[in-house]
Amino acid sequence: MTHPTIGALVFDVDGTLADTEEVHRQAFNQAFAEDGLDWHWDVATYTRLLDISGGKERLHAYWQEAHPEVTDLEGALQDRIQRLHDLKTASYEAAVHDGAVTLRPGVLALMDEALKRNLKLAIATTTSPVNIAALMRRAVGEDWGARFAVIEDASTARKKKPDPMVYEQTLQRLGVPASGCVAFEDSSNGLQAARAAGMAHVIITPTAFTAHQDFSHALQVLPSLAGVTVDGLNRWVMQGQSR
């Protein structure tokens, strides 16, 4: 058996643990309809907006495109964006509860093996805690949080990916050096964030929304985590270190 070199696995959430983006897109459109807006984000529009990390940040950017004449008078625009995001979050939670989202292939098996091998698990995402809980509660159970030594999310990391803040905070709390961690992402923003925090070992599992992005600095680019094992990760890490 390969001598273990990894101390922790660090997972992004949206697109990585589960292919959530289409459900998010539909939830945004549901929020627009509920709020009386005539907006509709088709796949091409949403794919473009995913270059911007954070739901409220995407809403703000799109508002500036659609209504450049509207300024934020005494916070009214921010209040509207918050309301839209709240509606979207409620729609997304309902969809997850109804079974619209499941974990991607191989995710749960790799987590289970890592825990048996005494590796630490962490979440490093800039999505909201509500979204994470909705997904993981459905997929793993009410005690899902006990699996993770560290959970960093939009409530703790103010700056969005590709800023490395969420990974830097995760590493600090884990107590594992960046060289001993493998990060799992689905987007170039996530890849940039992890590497900027000193994490050279990043596994990318793209989705249909991110497959066109540049992953040239990833350790591996895979269709999913199906069949991926801790020993396999160790081999890739050691091969990467010997380059």
C-alpha atoms as a PDB file:
ATOM      1  CA  MET A   1       0.000   0.000   0.000  1.00  0.00           C
ATOM      2  CA  THR A   2       1.234   3.472  -0.843  1.00  0.00           C
ATOM      3  CA  HIS A   3       2.574   5.303   2.171  1.00  0.00           C
ATOM      4  CA  PRO A   4       0.032   8.033   2.986  1.00  0.00           C
ATOM      5  CA  THR A   5       1.161  11.580   2.310  1.00  0.00           C
ATOM      6  CA  ILE A   6      -2.223  13.278   2.531  1.00  0.00           C
ATOM      7  CA  GLY A   7      -3.631  14.619   5.776  1.00  0.00           C
ATOM      8  CA  ALA A   8      -6.888  16.221   4.624  1.00  0.00           C
ATOM      9  CA  LEU A   9      -9.377  16.438   1.760  1.00  0.00           C
ATOM     10  CA  VAL A  10     -10.992  19.831   1.187  1.00  0.00           C
ATOM     11  CA  PHE A  11     -14.193  20.048  -0.831  1.00  0.00           C
ATOM     12  CA  ASP A  12     -15.973  22.835  -2.631  1.00  0.00           C
ATOM     13  CA  VAL A  13     -19.765  22.356  -2.652  1.00  0.00           C
ATOM     14  CA  ASP A  14     -21.716  23.641  -5.671  1.00  0.00           C
ATOM     15  CA  GLY A  15     -20.682  21.730  -8.759  1.00  0.00           C
ATOM     16  CA  THR A  16     -18.164  19.623  -6.819  1.00  0.00           C
ATOM     17  CA  LEU A  17     -20.032  17.662  -4.162  1.00  0.00           C
ATOM     18  CA  ALA A  18     -23.173  17.854  -6.276  1.00  0.00           C
ATOM     19  CA  ASP A  19     -24.025  19.135  -9.756  1.00  0.00           C
ATOM     20  CA  THR A  20     -26.254  21.888  -8.405  1.00  0.00           C
ATOM     21  CA  GLU A  21     -25.920  24.701 -10.921  1.00  0.00           C
ATOM     22  CA  GLU A  22     -28.940  23.876 -13.097  1.00  0.00           C
ATOM     23  CA  VAL A  23     -31.112  23.756  -9.977  1.00  0.00           C
ATOM     24  CA  HIS A  24     -29.649  27.089  -8.861  1.00  0.00           C
ATOM     25  CA  ARG A  25     -30.399  28.561 -12.314  1.00  0.00           C
ATOM     26  CA  GLN A  26     -34.007  27.431 -12.141  1.00  0.00           C
ATOM     27  CA  ALA A  27     -34.289  28.801  -8.595  1.00  0.00           C
ATOM     28  CA  PHE A  28     -33.051  32.225  -9.724  1.00  0.00           C
ATOM     29  CA  ASN A  29     -35.648  32.276 -12.495  1.00  0.00           C
ATOM     30  CA  GLN A  30     -38.361  31.269 -10.028  1.00  0.00           C
ATOM     31  CA  ALA A  31     -37.298  34.148  -7.764  1.00  0.00           C
ATOM     32  CA  PHE A  32     -37.479  36.618 -10.655  1.00  0.00           C
ATOM     33  CA  ALA A  33     -41.018  35.478 -11.470  1.00  0.00           C
ATOM     34  CA  GLU A  34     -42.126  35.697  -7.841  1.00  0.00           C
ATOM     35  CA  ASP A  35     -40.707  39.203  -7.560  1.00  0.00           C
ATOM     36  CA  GLY A  36     -42.379  40.398 -10.765  1.00  0.00           C
ATOM     37  CA  LEU A  37     -39.189  40.785 -12.818  1.00  0.00           C
ATOM     38  CA  ASP A  38     -39.216  39.879 -16.499  1.00  0.00           C
ATOM     39  CA  TRP A  39     -35.667  38.473 -16.266  1.00  0.00           C
ATOM     40  CA  HIS A  40     -34.834  34.953 -17.408  1.00  0.00           C
ATOM     41  CA  TRP A  41     -31.365  33.465 -17.154  1.00  0.00           C
ATOM     42  CA  ASP A  42     -30.924  30.916 -19.927  1.00  0.00           C
ATOM     43  CA  VAL A  43     -28.071  28.416 -19.810  1.00  0.00           C
ATOM     44  CA  ALA A  44     -25.701  30.638 -21.772  1.00  0.00           C
ATOM     45  CA  THR A  45     -26.383  33.649 -19.550  1.00  0.00           C
ATOM     46  CA  TYR A  46     -25.988  31.672 -16.336  1.00  0.00           C
ATOM     47  CA  THR A  47     -22.798  30.038 -17.598  1.00  0.00           C
ATOM     48  CA  ARG A  48     -21.353  33.498 -18.200  1.00  0.00           C
ATOM     49  CA  LEU A  49     -22.496  34.753 -14.800  1.00  0.00           C
ATOM     50  CA  LEU A  50     -20.804  31.817 -13.056  1.00  0.00           C
ATOM     51  CA  ASP A  51     -17.520  33.601 -13.699  1.00  0.00           C
ATOM     52  CA  ILE A  52     -18.713  35.777 -10.785  1.00  0.00           C
ATOM     53  CA  SER A  53     -18.625  33.926  -7.464  1.00  0.00           C
ATOM     54  CA  GLY A  54     -21.623  34.409  -5.175  1.00  0.00           C
ATOM     55  CA  GLY A  55     -25.342  34.584  -5.881  1.00  0.00           C
ATOM     56  CA  LYS A  56     -25.856  38.125  -4.661  1.00  0.00           C
ATOM     57  CA  GLU A  57     -22.778  39.222  -6.571  1.00  0.00           C
ATOM     58  CA  ARG A  58     -24.235  37.726  -9.765  1.00  0.00           C
ATOM     59  CA  LEU A  59     -27.530  39.483  -9.149  1.00  0.00           C
ATOM     60  CA  HIS A  60     -25.781  42.799  -8.659  1.00  0.00           C
ATOM     61  CA  ALA A  61     -23.688  42.384 -11.801  1.00  0.00           C
ATOM     62  CA  TYR A  62     -26.721  41.463 -13.886  1.00  0.00           C
ATOM     63  CA  TRP A  63     -28.746  44.341 -12.463  1.00  0.00           C
ATOM     64  CA  GLN A  64     -26.016  46.711 -13.609  1.00  0.00           C
ATOM     65  CA  GLU A  65     -26.245  45.181 -17.093  1.00  0.00           C
ATOM     66  CA  ALA A  66     -30.031  45.289 -17.291  1.00  0.00           C
ATOM     67  CA  HIS A  67     -30.594  48.626 -15.515  1.00  0.00           C
ATOM     68  CA  PRO A  68     -27.391  50.688 -15.632  1.00  0.00           C
ATOM     69  CA  GLU A  69     -29.441  53.806 -14.947  1.00  0.00           C
ATOM     70  CA  VAL A  70     -30.500  52.574 -11.483  1.00  0.00           C
ATOM     71  CA  THR A  71     -28.209  53.588  -8.636  1.00  0.00           C
ATOM     72  CA  ASP A  72     -28.281  52.293  -5.091  1.00  0.00           C
ATOM     73  CA  LEU A  73     -30.307  55.060  -3.465  1.00  0.00           C
ATOM     74  CA  GLU A  74     -30.044  54.629   0.314  1.00  0.00           C
ATOM     75  CA  GLY A  75     -29.537  50.877  -0.043  1.00  0.00           C
ATOM     76  CA  ALA A  76     -32.797  50.226  -1.925  1.00  0.00           C
ATOM     77  CA  LEU A  77     -31.055  48.214  -4.633  1.00  0.00           C
ATOM     78  CA  GLN A  78     -29.194  46.097  -2.085  1.00  0.00           C
ATOM     79  CA  ASP A  79     -32.478  45.427  -0.297  1.00  0.00           C
ATOM     80  CA  ARG A  80     -34.037  44.272  -3.573  1.00  0.00           C
ATOM     81  CA  ILE A  81     -31.097  42.013  -4.316  1.00  0.00           C
ATOM     82  CA  GLN A  82     -31.291  40.538  -0.822  1.00  0.00           C
ATOM     83  CA  ARG A  83     -35.006  39.848  -1.302  1.00  0.00           C
ATOM     84  CA  LEU A  84     -34.357  38.164  -4.646  1.00  0.00           C
ATOM     85  CA  HIS A  85     -31.611  36.061  -3.118  1.00  0.00           C
ATOM     86  CA  ASP A  86     -33.858  35.036  -0.221  1.00  0.00           C
ATOM     87  CA  LEU A  87     -36.569  33.945  -2.676  1.00  0.00           C
ATOM     88  CA  LYS A  88     -34.012  32.052  -4.727  1.00  0.00           C
ATOM     89  CA  THR A  89     -32.616  30.297  -1.629  1.00  0.00           C
ATOM     90  CA  ALA A  90     -36.109  29.183  -0.581  1.00  0.00           C
ATOM     91  CA  SER A  91     -36.788  27.804  -4.061  1.00  0.00           C
ATOM     92  CA  TYR A  92     -33.454  25.979  -4.117  1.00  0.00           C
ATOM     93  CA  GLU A  93     -34.015  24.455  -0.668  1.00  0.00           C
ATOM     94  CA  ALA A  94     -37.447  23.196  -1.752  1.00  0.00           C
ATOM     95  CA  ALA A  95     -35.952  21.601  -4.881  1.00  0.00           C
ATOM     96  CA  VAL A  96     -33.203  19.877  -2.871  1.00  0.00           C
ATOM     97  CA  HIS A  97     -35.775  18.652  -0.349  1.00  0.00           C
ATOM     98  CA  ASP A  98     -37.769  17.179  -3.248  1.00  0.00           C
ATOM     99  CA  GLY A  99     -34.723  15.214  -4.420  1.00  0.00           C
ATOM    100  CA  ALA A 100     -33.635  17.378  -7.364  1.00  0.00           C
ATOM    101  CA  VAL A 101     -29.958  17.178  -6.314  1.00  0.00           C
ATOM    102  CA  THR A 102     -27.777  14.215  -5.363  1.00  0.00           C
ATOM    103  CA  LEU A 103     -24.069  13.875  -4.606  1.00  0.00           C
ATOM    104  CA  ARG A 104     -21.850  13.323  -7.635  1.00  0.00           C
ATOM    105  CA  PRO A 105     -20.490   9.807  -8.284  1.00  0.00           C
ATOM    106  CA  GLY A 106     -17.665   8.745  -5.992  1.00  0.00           C
ATOM    107  CA  VAL A 107     -17.960  11.622  -3.528  1.00  0.00           C
ATOM    108  CA  LEU A 108     -19.465   9.722  -0.605  1.00  0.00           C
ATOM    109  CA  ALA A 109     -17.277   6.645  -1.112  1.00  0.00           C
ATOM    110  CA  LEU A 110     -14.102   8.754  -1.095  1.00  0.00           C
ATOM    111  CA  MET A 111     -15.212  10.614   2.030  1.00  0.00           C
ATOM    112  CA  ASP A 112     -16.021   7.349   3.800  1.00  0.00           C
ATOM    113  CA  GLU A 113     -12.623   5.857   2.931  1.00  0.00           C
ATOM    114  CA  ALA A 114     -10.803   9.033   3.981  1.00  0.00           C
ATOM    115  CA  LEU A 115     -12.469   8.991   7.396  1.00  0.00           C
ATOM    116  CA  LYS A 116     -11.598   5.305   7.858  1.00  0.00           C
ATOM    117  CA  ARG A 117      -7.987   6.178   7.011  1.00  0.00           C
ATOM    118  CA  ASN A 118      -8.042   8.970   9.642  1.00  0.00           C
ATOM    119  CA  LEU A 119      -7.814  11.797   7.135  1.00  0.00           C
ATOM    120  CA  LYS A 120      -9.566  15.047   7.957  1.00  0.00           C
ATOM    121  CA  LEU A 121     -12.415  16.332   5.797  1.00  0.00           C
ATOM    122  CA  ALA A 122     -13.195  20.009   5.246  1.00  0.00           C
ATOM    123  CA  ILE A 123     -15.561  22.186   3.257  1.00  0.00           C
ATOM    124  CA  ALA A 124     -14.240  25.380   1.674  1.00  0.00           C
ATOM    125  CA  THR A 125     -17.005  27.147  -0.194  1.00  0.00           C
ATOM    126  CA  THR A 126     -18.410  30.619  -0.562  1.00  0.00           C
ATOM    127  CA  THR A 127     -21.979  29.424  -0.883  1.00  0.00           C
ATOM    128  CA  SER A 128     -24.389  30.054   1.985  1.00  0.00           C
ATOM    129  CA  PRO A 129     -24.609  27.765   5.035  1.00  0.00           C
ATOM    130  CA  VAL A 130     -28.304  27.225   4.287  1.00  0.00           C
ATOM    131  CA  ASN A 131     -27.539  25.817   0.852  1.00  0.00           C
ATOM    132  CA  ILE A 132     -24.843  23.514   2.226  1.00  0.00           C
ATOM    133  CA  ALA A 133     -27.088  22.200   4.975  1.00  0.00           C
ATOM    134  CA  ALA A 134     -29.986  21.577   2.590  1.00  0.00           C
ATOM    135  CA  LEU A 135     -27.794  19.504   0.282  1.00  0.00           C
ATOM    136  CA  MET A 136     -25.847  17.566   2.895  1.00  0.00           C
ATOM    137  CA  ARG A 137     -28.794  16.875   5.171  1.00  0.00           C
ATOM    138  CA  ARG A 138     -30.625  15.283   2.256  1.00  0.00           C
ATOM    139  CA  ALA A 139     -27.584  13.356   0.992  1.00  0.00           C
ATOM    140  CA  VAL A 140     -25.951  12.221   4.247  1.00  0.00           C
ATOM    141  CA  GLY A 141     -28.356  12.797   7.139  1.00  0.00           C
ATOM    142  CA  GLU A 142     -28.918  15.164  10.018  1.00  0.00           C
ATOM    143  CA  ASP A 143     -25.469  14.552  11.515  1.00  0.00           C
ATOM    144  CA  TRP A 144     -23.648  15.397   8.260  1.00  0.00           C
ATOM    145  CA  GLY A 145     -21.616  18.148   9.938  1.00  0.00           C
ATOM    146  CA  ALA A 146     -19.865  15.646  12.212  1.00  0.00           C
ATOM    147  CA  ARG A 147     -17.939  14.351   9.198  1.00  0.00           C
ATOM    148  CA  PHE A 148     -16.069  17.607   8.710  1.00  0.00           C
ATOM    149  CA  ALA A 149     -13.269  18.935  10.879  1.00  0.00           C
ATOM    150  CA  VAL A 150     -13.715  22.389   9.338  1.00  0.00           C
ATOM    151  CA  ILE A 151     -16.538  24.092   7.446  1.00  0.00           C
ATOM    152  CA  GLU A 152     -15.840  27.485   5.902  1.00  0.00           C
ATOM    153  CA  ASP A 153     -18.588  29.161   3.892  1.00  0.00           C
ATOM    154  CA  ALA A 154     -20.098  32.513   2.905  1.00  0.00           C
ATOM    155  CA  SER A 155     -20.806  33.335   6.543  1.00  0.00           C
ATOM    156  CA  THR A 156     -17.133  33.065   7.521  1.00  0.00           C
ATOM    157  CA  ALA A 157     -15.265  33.981   4.319  1.00  0.00           C
ATOM    158  CA  ARG A 158     -16.168  37.498   3.245  1.00  0.00           C
ATOM    159  CA  LYS A 159     -14.182  37.457   0.014  1.00  0.00           C
ATOM    160  CA  LYS A 160     -15.370  35.193  -2.777  1.00  0.00           C
ATOM    161  CA  LYS A 161     -13.296  32.856  -4.912  1.00  0.00           C
ATOM    162  CA  PRO A 162     -10.917  33.307  -6.761  1.00  0.00           C
ATOM    163  CA  ASP A 163      -9.756  35.183  -3.648  1.00  0.00           C
ATOM    164  CA  PRO A 164      -7.969  32.595  -1.466  1.00  0.00           C
ATOM    165  CA  MET A 165      -9.570  33.724   1.825  1.00  0.00           C
ATOM    166  CA  VAL A 166     -11.813  30.669   2.269  1.00  0.00           C
ATOM    167  CA  TYR A 167      -8.901  28.278   1.688  1.00  0.00           C
ATOM    168  CA  GLU A 168      -6.512  30.232   3.871  1.00  0.00           C
ATOM    169  CA  GLN A 169      -9.009  30.139   6.745  1.00  0.00           C
ATOM    170  CA  THR A 170      -9.676  26.441   6.164  1.00  0.00           C
ATOM    171  CA  LEU A 171      -5.967  25.600   6.276  1.00  0.00           C
ATOM    172  CA  GLN A 172      -5.450  27.661   9.410  1.00  0.00           C
ATOM    173  CA  ARG A 173      -8.227  25.832  11.242  1.00  0.00           C
ATOM    174  CA  LEU A 174      -7.320  22.377   9.926  1.00  0.00           C
ATOM    175  CA  GLY A 175      -3.772  22.537  11.200  1.00  0.00           C
ATOM    176  CA  VAL A 176      -2.611  20.603   8.126  1.00  0.00           C
ATOM    177  CA  PRO A 177      -0.045  22.182   5.781  1.00  0.00           C
ATOM    178  CA  ALA A 178      -1.198  23.020   2.265  1.00  0.00           C
ATOM    179  CA  SER A 179       1.221  20.398   0.910  1.00  0.00           C
ATOM    180  CA  GLY A 180      -0.677  17.722   2.850  1.00  0.00           C
ATOM    181  CA  CYS A 181      -4.116  18.631   1.495  1.00  0.00           C
ATOM    182  CA  VAL A 182      -5.987  17.815  -1.687  1.00  0.00           C
ATOM    183  CA  ALA A 183      -8.661  20.261  -2.802  1.00  0.00           C
ATOM    184  CA  PHE A 184     -11.645  19.304  -4.957  1.00  0.00           C
ATOM    185  CA  GLU A 185     -13.183  21.907  -7.248  1.00  0.00           C
ATOM    186  CA  ASP A 186     -15.221  22.215 -10.426  1.00  0.00           C
ATOM    187  CA  SER A 187     -14.335  25.751 -11.594  1.00  0.00           C
ATOM    188  CA  SER A 188     -11.357  27.873 -12.550  1.00  0.00           C
ATOM    189  CA  ASN A 189     -12.256  30.346  -9.787  1.00  0.00           C
ATOM    190  CA  GLY A 190     -11.997  27.532  -7.253  1.00  0.00           C
ATOM    191  CA  LEU A 191      -8.742  26.281  -8.747  1.00  0.00           C
ATOM    192  CA  GLN A 192      -7.229  29.764  -8.594  1.00  0.00           C
ATOM    193  CA  ALA A 193      -8.385  30.252  -4.999  1.00  0.00           C
ATOM    194  CA  ALA A 194      -6.904  26.968  -3.799  1.00  0.00           C
ATOM    195  CA  ARG A 195      -3.579  27.496  -5.553  1.00  0.00           C
ATOM    196  CA  ALA A 196      -3.330  31.082  -4.311  1.00  0.00           C
ATOM    197  CA  ALA A 197      -3.608  29.674  -0.775  1.00  0.00           C
ATOM    198  CA  GLY A 198      -0.619  27.437  -1.486  1.00  0.00           C
ATOM    199  CA  MET A 199      -2.544  24.278  -2.337  1.00  0.00           C
ATOM    200  CA  ALA A 200      -0.783  22.693  -5.302  1.00  0.00           C
ATOM    201  CA  HIS A 201      -2.897  19.526  -5.298  1.00  0.00           C
ATOM    202  CA  VAL A 202      -6.277  20.357  -6.827  1.00  0.00           C
ATOM    203  CA  ILE A 203      -8.571  17.780  -8.438  1.00  0.00           C
ATOM    204  CA  ILE A 204     -11.107  19.222 -10.886  1.00  0.00           C
ATOM    205  CA  THR A 205     -14.398  17.518 -11.762  1.00  0.00           C
ATOM    206  CA  PRO A 206     -15.990  19.941 -14.234  1.00  0.00           C
ATOM    207  CA  THR A 207     -19.697  20.258 -14.921  1.00  0.00           C
ATOM    208  CA  ALA A 208     -21.444  21.258 -18.131  1.00  0.00           C
ATOM    209  CA  PHE A 209     -21.316  24.843 -16.850  1.00  0.00           C
ATOM    210  CA  THR A 210     -17.544  24.880 -16.254  1.00  0.00           C
ATOM    211  CA  ALA A 211     -16.083  22.394 -18.763  1.00  0.00           C
ATOM    212  CA  HIS A 212     -14.904  25.235 -21.038  1.00  0.00           C
ATOM    213  CA  GLN A 213     -12.725  26.827 -18.339  1.00  0.00           C
ATOM    214  CA  ASP A 214      -8.934  26.646 -18.015  1.00  0.00           C
ATOM    215  CA  PHE A 215      -7.766  23.868 -15.686  1.00  0.00           C
ATOM    216  CA  SER A 216      -4.192  23.649 -16.904  1.00  0.00           C
ATOM    217  CA  HIS A 217      -2.779  23.985 -13.368  1.00  0.00           C
ATOM    218  CA  ALA A 218      -4.893  21.210 -11.837  1.00  0.00           C
ATOM    219  CA  LEU A 219      -3.330  18.018 -10.498  1.00  0.00           C
ATOM    220  CA  GLN A 220      -5.993  16.002 -12.334  1.00  0.00           C
ATOM    221  CA  VAL A 221      -9.129  16.779 -14.355  1.00  0.00           C
ATOM    222  CA  LEU A 222     -11.684  13.969 -14.047  1.00  0.00           C
ATOM    223  CA  PRO A 223     -15.287  13.435 -15.179  1.00  0.00           C
ATOM    224  CA  SER A 224     -16.200  12.525 -11.585  1.00  0.00           C
ATOM    225  CA  LEU A 225     -14.692  11.012  -8.442  1.00  0.00           C
ATOM    226  CA  ALA A 226     -16.052   7.552  -9.274  1.00  0.00           C
ATOM    227  CA  GLY A 227     -13.327   5.015  -8.527  1.00  0.00           C
ATOM    228  CA  VAL A 228     -10.990   7.579  -6.926  1.00  0.00           C
ATOM    229  CA  THR A 229      -9.297   6.242  -3.778  1.00  0.00           C
ATOM    230  CA  VAL A 230      -6.982   7.631  -1.128  1.00  0.00           C
ATOM    231  CA  ASP A 231      -4.123   5.555  -2.494  1.00  0.00           C
ATOM    232  CA  GLY A 232      -4.815   6.914  -5.963  1.00  0.00           C
ATOM    233  CA  LEU A 233      -4.721  10.460  -4.632  1.00  0.00           C
ATOM    234  CA  ASN A 234      -1.412   9.730  -2.894  1.00  0.00           C
ATOM    235  CA  ARG A 235       0.072   8.495  -6.169  1.00  0.00           C
ATOM    236  CA  TRP A 236      -1.052  11.612  -8.038  1.00  0.00           C
ATOM    237  CA  VAL A 237       0.319  13.855  -5.297  1.00  0.00           C
ATOM    238  CA  MET A 238       3.710  12.127  -5.327  1.00  0.00           C
ATOM    239  CA  GLN A 239       3.832  12.229  -9.128  1.00  0.00           C
ATOM    240  CA  GLY A 240       3.004  15.919  -9.008  1.00  0.00           C
ATOM    241  CA  GLN A 241       5.755  16.559  -6.453  1.00  0.00           C
ATOM    242  CA  SER A 242       8.303  14.777  -8.607  1.00  0.00           C
ATOM    243  CA  ARG A 243       7.649  16.878 -11.707  1.00  0.00           C
END
